């Protein structure tokens, strides 16, 4: 989980960005 900003991810999800997928905000957690 290095370099993963959970708050930034939450804001991105709330902004309507995809949370999964290769370009999603959770991609760093999946890889």
PDB file of N, CA and C in Angstrom:
ATOM      1  N   UNK A   1       0.823  -1.213   0.000  1.00  0.00           N
ATOM      2  CA  UNK A   1       0.000   0.000   0.000  1.00  0.00           C
ATOM      3  C   UNK A   1       0.851   1.254   0.000  1.00  0.00           C
ATOM      4  N   UNK A   2       2.050   1.163  -0.546  1.00  0.00           N
ATOM      5  CA  UNK A   2       2.891   2.347  -0.573  1.00  0.00           C
ATOM      6  C   UNK A   2       2.355   3.370  -1.560  1.00  0.00           C
ATOM      7  N   UNK A   3       2.450   4.638  -1.185  1.00  0.00           N
ATOM      8  CA  UNK A   3       2.018   5.745  -2.041  1.00  0.00           C
ATOM      9  C   UNK A   3       0.519   5.706  -2.333  1.00  0.00           C
ATOM     10  N   UNK A   4      -0.272   5.089  -1.464  1.00  0.00           N
ATOM     11  CA  UNK A   4      -1.717   5.081  -1.678  1.00  0.00           C
ATOM     12  C   UNK A   4      -2.370   6.069  -0.722  1.00  0.00           C
ATOM     13  N   UNK A   5      -3.036   7.068  -1.282  1.00  0.00           N
ATOM     14  CA  UNK A   5      -3.687   8.097  -0.472  1.00  0.00           C
ATOM     15  C   UNK A   5      -5.175   7.770  -0.369  1.00  0.00           C
ATOM     16  N   UNK A   6      -5.568   7.244   0.794  1.00  0.00           N
ATOM     17  CA  UNK A   6      -6.954   6.805   0.944  1.00  0.00           C
ATOM     18  C   UNK A   6      -7.932   7.966   0.845  1.00  0.00           C
ATOM     19  N   UNK A   7      -7.555   9.118   1.432  1.00  0.00           N
ATOM     20  CA  UNK A   7      -8.438  10.286   1.372  1.00  0.00           C
ATOM     21  C   UNK A   7      -8.630  10.759  -0.058  1.00  0.00           C
ATOM     22  N   UNK A   8      -7.544  10.732  -0.831  1.00  0.00           N
ATOM     23  CA  UNK A   8      -7.651  11.149  -2.231  1.00  0.00           C
ATOM     24  C   UNK A   8      -8.536  10.173  -2.999  1.00  0.00           C
ATOM     25  N   UNK A   9      -8.423   8.899  -2.673  1.00  0.00           N
ATOM     26  CA  UNK A   9      -9.252   7.891  -3.327  1.00  0.00           C
ATOM     27  C   UNK A   9     -10.727   8.113  -3.001  1.00  0.00           C
ATOM     28  N   UNK A  10     -11.009   8.400  -1.733  1.00  0.00           N
ATOM     29  CA  UNK A  10     -12.392   8.650  -1.342  1.00  0.00           C
ATOM     30  C   UNK A  10     -12.960   9.849  -2.087  1.00  0.00           C
ATOM     31  N   UNK A  11     -12.165  10.905  -2.201  1.00  0.00           N
ATOM     32  CA  UNK A  11     -12.630  12.094  -2.916  1.00  0.00           C
ATOM     33  C   UNK A  11     -12.879  11.771  -4.378  1.00  0.00           C
ATOM     34  N   UNK A  12     -12.022  10.943  -4.961  1.00  0.00           N
ATOM     35  CA  UNK A  12     -12.187  10.571  -6.362  1.00  0.00           C
ATOM     36  C   UNK A  12     -13.472   9.766  -6.551  1.00  0.00           C
ATOM     37  N   UNK A  13     -13.739   8.858  -5.613  1.00  0.00           N
ATOM     38  CA  UNK A  13     -14.959   8.055  -5.696  1.00  0.00           C
ATOM     39  C   UNK A  13     -16.188   8.954  -5.558  1.00  0.00           C
ATOM     40  N   UNK A  14     -16.127   9.891  -4.617  1.00  0.00           N
ATOM     41  CA  UNK A  14     -17.248  10.801  -4.405  1.00  0.00           C
ATOM     42  C   UNK A  14     -17.441  11.713  -5.606  1.00  0.00           C
ATOM     43  N   UNK A  15     -16.356  11.971  -6.348  1.00  0.00           N
ATOM     44  CA  UNK A  15     -16.432  12.821  -7.534  1.00  0.00           C
ATOM     45  C   UNK A  15     -16.997  12.053  -8.725  1.00  0.00           C
ATOM     46  N   UNK A  16     -17.158  10.740  -8.563  1.00  0.00           N
ATOM     47  CA  UNK A  16     -17.771   9.943  -9.615  1.00  0.00           C
ATOM     48  C   UNK A  16     -16.770   9.199 -10.482  1.00  0.00           C
ATOM     49  N   UNK A  17     -15.498   9.189 -10.075  1.00  0.00           N
ATOM     50  CA  UNK A  17     -14.510   8.465 -10.864  1.00  0.00           C
ATOM     51  C   UNK A  17     -14.632   6.966 -10.594  1.00  0.00           C
ATOM     52  N   UNK A  18     -14.254   6.127 -11.559  1.00  0.00           N
ATOM     53  CA  UNK A  18     -14.319   4.675 -11.354  1.00  0.00           C
ATOM     54  C   UNK A  18     -13.388   4.247 -10.229  1.00  0.00           C
ATOM     55  N   UNK A  19     -13.856   3.362  -9.362  1.00  0.00           N
ATOM     56  CA  UNK A  19     -13.045   2.923  -8.228  1.00  0.00           C
ATOM     57  C   UNK A  19     -12.324   1.622  -8.525  1.00  0.00           C
ATOM     58  N   UNK A  20     -12.696   0.962  -9.626  1.00  0.00           N
ATOM     59  CA  UNK A  20     -12.029  -0.278 -10.004  1.00  0.00           C
ATOM     60  C   UNK A  20     -11.567  -0.186 -11.443  1.00  0.00           C
ATOM     61  N   UNK A  21     -10.766  -1.131 -11.866  1.00  0.00           N
ATOM     62  CA  UNK A  21     -10.242  -1.100 -13.226  1.00  0.00           C
ATOM     63  C   UNK A  21      -8.803  -0.613 -13.234  1.00  0.00           C
ATOM     64  N   UNK A  22      -8.173  -0.658 -14.386  1.00  0.00           N
ATOM     65  CA  UNK A  22      -6.751  -0.331 -14.482  1.00  0.00           C
ATOM     66  C   UNK A  22      -6.488   1.133 -14.182  1.00  0.00           C
ATOM     67  N   UNK A  23      -7.473   2.002 -14.461  1.00  0.00           N
ATOM     68  CA  UNK A  23      -7.273   3.426 -14.209  1.00  0.00           C
ATOM     69  C   UNK A  23      -8.102   3.917 -13.032  1.00  0.00           C
ATOM     70  N   UNK A  24      -8.660   2.962 -12.283  1.00  0.00           N
ATOM     71  CA  UNK A  24      -9.472   3.328 -11.135  1.00  0.00           C
ATOM     72  C   UNK A  24      -8.606   3.752  -9.957  1.00  0.00           C
ATOM     73  N   UNK A  25      -9.239   4.367  -8.973  1.00  0.00           N
ATOM     74  CA  UNK A  25      -8.497   4.863  -7.818  1.00  0.00           C
ATOM     75  C   UNK A  25      -8.020   3.727  -6.921  1.00  0.00           C
ATOM     76  N   UNK A  26      -8.642   2.553  -7.045  1.00  0.00           N
ATOM     77  CA  UNK A  26      -8.234   1.416  -6.218  1.00  0.00           C
ATOM     78  C   UNK A  26      -7.225   0.519  -6.916  1.00  0.00           C
ATOM     79  N   UNK A  27      -6.836   0.889  -8.141  1.00  0.00           N
ATOM     80  CA  UNK A  27      -5.880   0.072  -8.891  1.00  0.00           C
ATOM     81  C   UNK A  27      -4.582  -0.190  -8.115  1.00  0.00           C
ATOM     82  N   UNK A  28      -4.041   0.809  -7.399  1.00  0.00           N
ATOM     83  CA  UNK A  28      -2.805   0.554  -6.627  1.00  0.00           C
ATOM     84  C   UNK A  28      -2.974  -0.539  -5.576  1.00  0.00           C
ATOM     85  N   UNK A  29      -4.195  -0.713  -5.071  1.00  0.00           N
ATOM     86  CA  UNK A  29      -4.425  -1.752  -4.063  1.00  0.00           C
ATOM     87  C   UNK A  29      -4.506  -3.125  -4.707  1.00  0.00           C
ATOM     88  N   UNK A  30      -5.029  -3.176  -5.929  1.00  0.00           N
ATOM     89  CA  UNK A  30      -5.230  -4.461  -6.601  1.00  0.00           C
ATOM     90  C   UNK A  30      -3.913  -5.021  -7.109  1.00  0.00           C
ATOM     91  N   UNK A  31      -3.057  -4.150  -7.618  1.00  0.00           N
ATOM     92  CA  UNK A  31      -1.798  -4.604  -8.206  1.00  0.00           C
ATOM     93  C   UNK A  31      -0.842  -5.105  -7.135  1.00  0.00           C
TER      94      UNK A  31
END
